Protein backbone atom coordinates (compact mmCIF):
# COMPACT_ATOMS: atom_id res chain seq x y z
CA MET A 1 -7.71 4.59 -1.96
CA ASP A 2 -8.28 4.36 2.16
CA ALA A 3 -11.64 2.79 4.09
CA GLU A 4 -12.80 6.41 4.39
CA ALA A 5 -12.64 7.41 0.92
CA VAL A 6 -14.24 4.10 0.10
CA THR A 7 -17.00 4.68 2.52
CA LYS A 8 -17.20 8.31 0.97
CA VAL A 9 -17.88 6.97 -2.62
CA LEU A 10 -20.25 5.13 -1.59
CA LEU A 11 -22.40 7.08 0.37
CA GLY A 12 -22.40 9.20 -2.37
CA LEU A 13 -24.58 6.99 -3.79
CA PRO A 14 -27.75 6.86 -4.09
CA GLY A 15 -30.45 5.10 -1.38
CA VAL A 16 -26.75 3.64 0.36
CA GLU A 17 -26.68 3.68 4.01
CA GLU A 18 -23.95 1.85 6.23
CA HIS A 19 -24.71 -0.95 8.90
CA VAL A 20 -23.19 -2.44 10.80
CA GLY A 21 -22.26 -6.41 9.11
CA TRP A 22 -22.51 -9.90 11.03
CA ALA A 23 -19.04 -9.76 12.18
CA GLY A 24 -18.96 -6.07 13.44
CA GLN A 25 -17.39 -4.92 10.54
CA PRO A 26 -18.46 -1.90 7.94
CA ALA A 27 -21.49 -2.99 5.65
CA PHE A 28 -22.83 -0.72 2.27
CA LYS A 29 -26.99 -1.77 1.72
CA VAL A 30 -29.00 -0.34 -0.46
CA ARG A 31 -32.65 -1.04 0.15
CA LYS A 32 -32.24 -3.71 2.68
CA LYS A 33 -29.39 -5.56 0.15
CA GLY A 34 -26.17 -5.63 0.69
CA PHE A 35 -23.47 -5.17 -1.62
CA VAL A 36 -20.12 -4.42 0.29
CA TYR A 37 -17.97 -5.23 2.99
CA LEU A 38 -14.98 -3.66 4.40
CA SER A 39 -12.81 -5.93 6.54
CA ALA A 40 -12.74 -5.12 10.37
CA ASP A 41 -9.21 -4.25 9.96
CA GLU A 42 -10.29 -1.99 6.95
CA THR A 43 -7.90 -3.29 4.40
CA SER A 44 -10.05 -5.18 1.92
CA VAL A 45 -13.21 -4.72 0.59
CA MET A 46 -15.71 -7.66 -0.28
CA LEU A 47 -18.14 -6.53 -3.24
CA LYS A 48 -20.76 -7.75 -4.94
CA ALA A 49 -19.85 -9.41 -8.94
CA LEU A 50 -21.02 -10.65 -12.21
CA ARG A 51 -19.53 -14.22 -11.23
CA GLU A 52 -17.27 -13.63 -15.07
CA GLU A 53 -16.13 -10.19 -13.88
CA GLN A 54 -14.83 -12.00 -11.05
CA GLU A 55 -12.83 -14.42 -12.42
CA ALA A 56 -11.57 -11.90 -14.78
CA LEU A 57 -10.02 -9.92 -12.51
CA VAL A 58 -8.58 -12.32 -10.25
CA ALA A 59 -7.19 -14.06 -13.80
CA GLU A 60 -5.32 -10.35 -14.88
CA ASP A 61 -4.54 -8.91 -11.20
CA PRO A 62 -4.48 -12.31 -7.94
CA GLU A 63 -2.22 -10.18 -6.20
CA VAL A 64 -4.69 -7.09 -5.28
CA TYR A 65 -8.17 -9.56 -6.06
CA SER A 66 -9.02 -13.01 -4.65
CA PRO A 67 -12.30 -15.22 -5.09
CA SER A 68 -15.18 -15.10 -1.93
CA TRP A 69 -18.10 -17.07 -3.21
CA ALA A 70 -20.18 -17.22 -5.70
CA SER A 71 -24.10 -18.40 -6.61
CA GLY A 72 -26.15 -18.54 -9.43
CA GLN A 73 -25.07 -15.19 -11.50
CA PHE A 74 -23.66 -13.42 -8.71
CA ALA A 75 -19.96 -13.74 -7.19
CA TRP A 76 -18.05 -11.91 -4.34
CA LEU A 77 -14.79 -10.44 -4.94
CA GLU A 78 -11.93 -9.51 -2.06
CA VAL A 79 -9.64 -6.80 -2.95
CA ASP A 80 -6.84 -5.34 -1.29
CA LEU A 81 -7.57 -1.71 -0.81
CA ALA A 82 -3.77 -1.25 -0.70
CA LYS A 83 -2.77 -2.47 -4.01
CA ALA A 84 -5.89 -1.37 -5.70
CA ASP A 85 -6.59 1.09 -8.77
CA ASP A 86 -8.36 3.70 -7.53
CA GLU A 87 -10.43 4.09 -10.35
CA GLU A 88 -11.18 0.52 -11.25
CA LEU A 89 -12.05 0.19 -7.66
CA GLN A 90 -14.46 2.95 -7.66
CA GLU A 91 -16.29 1.31 -10.80
CA LEU A 92 -16.09 -1.84 -9.44
CA LEU A 93 -18.47 -0.16 -6.09
CA THR A 94 -20.56 1.25 -8.00
CA GLU A 95 -21.12 -1.55 -10.19
CA ALA A 96 -21.48 -3.65 -7.22
CA TRP A 97 -24.10 -0.99 -6.06
CA ARG A 98 -25.73 -1.43 -9.76
CA LEU A 99 -26.52 -4.73 -9.27
CA SER A 100 -28.36 -4.11 -5.46
CA ALA A 101 -30.33 -1.17 -6.90
CA PRO A 102 -33.03 -0.64 -7.83
CA LYS A 103 -33.61 0.75 -11.55
CA PHE A 104 -35.24 4.42 -10.25
CA LEU A 105 -31.96 4.69 -8.24
CA ILE A 106 -29.77 4.44 -11.42
CA ALA A 107 -31.53 5.82 -13.16
CA GLN A 108 -31.05 9.24 -10.62
CA LEU A 109 -28.02 8.53 -10.35
CA GLU A 110 -27.28 8.59 -14.26
CA ARG A 111 -29.19 11.94 -14.08
CA ARG A 112 -26.42 13.09 -12.12
């Protein structure tokens, strides 16, 4: 999946807005909460995940996934777009959104 496809998936989720991140990269937020950031060169994404999921994915496939920072129950996962499985990446993007979206937006997606 390339950066354009990632953007299309993210903007298809309820309440998502694209912003300019702190380093000028595309940042995706729901209700002012960031959950996915594209790298400046658009070759990778950093996304919100549960700490356990971050650890499992990095252990399973370190060529695709690398850890970013972690705090509390959440961790951030860096994903190499060229090496990631498209279906799995789409699930991870949606899950990152779910970790930040309010319940009424999650319900909206489930009704689709």
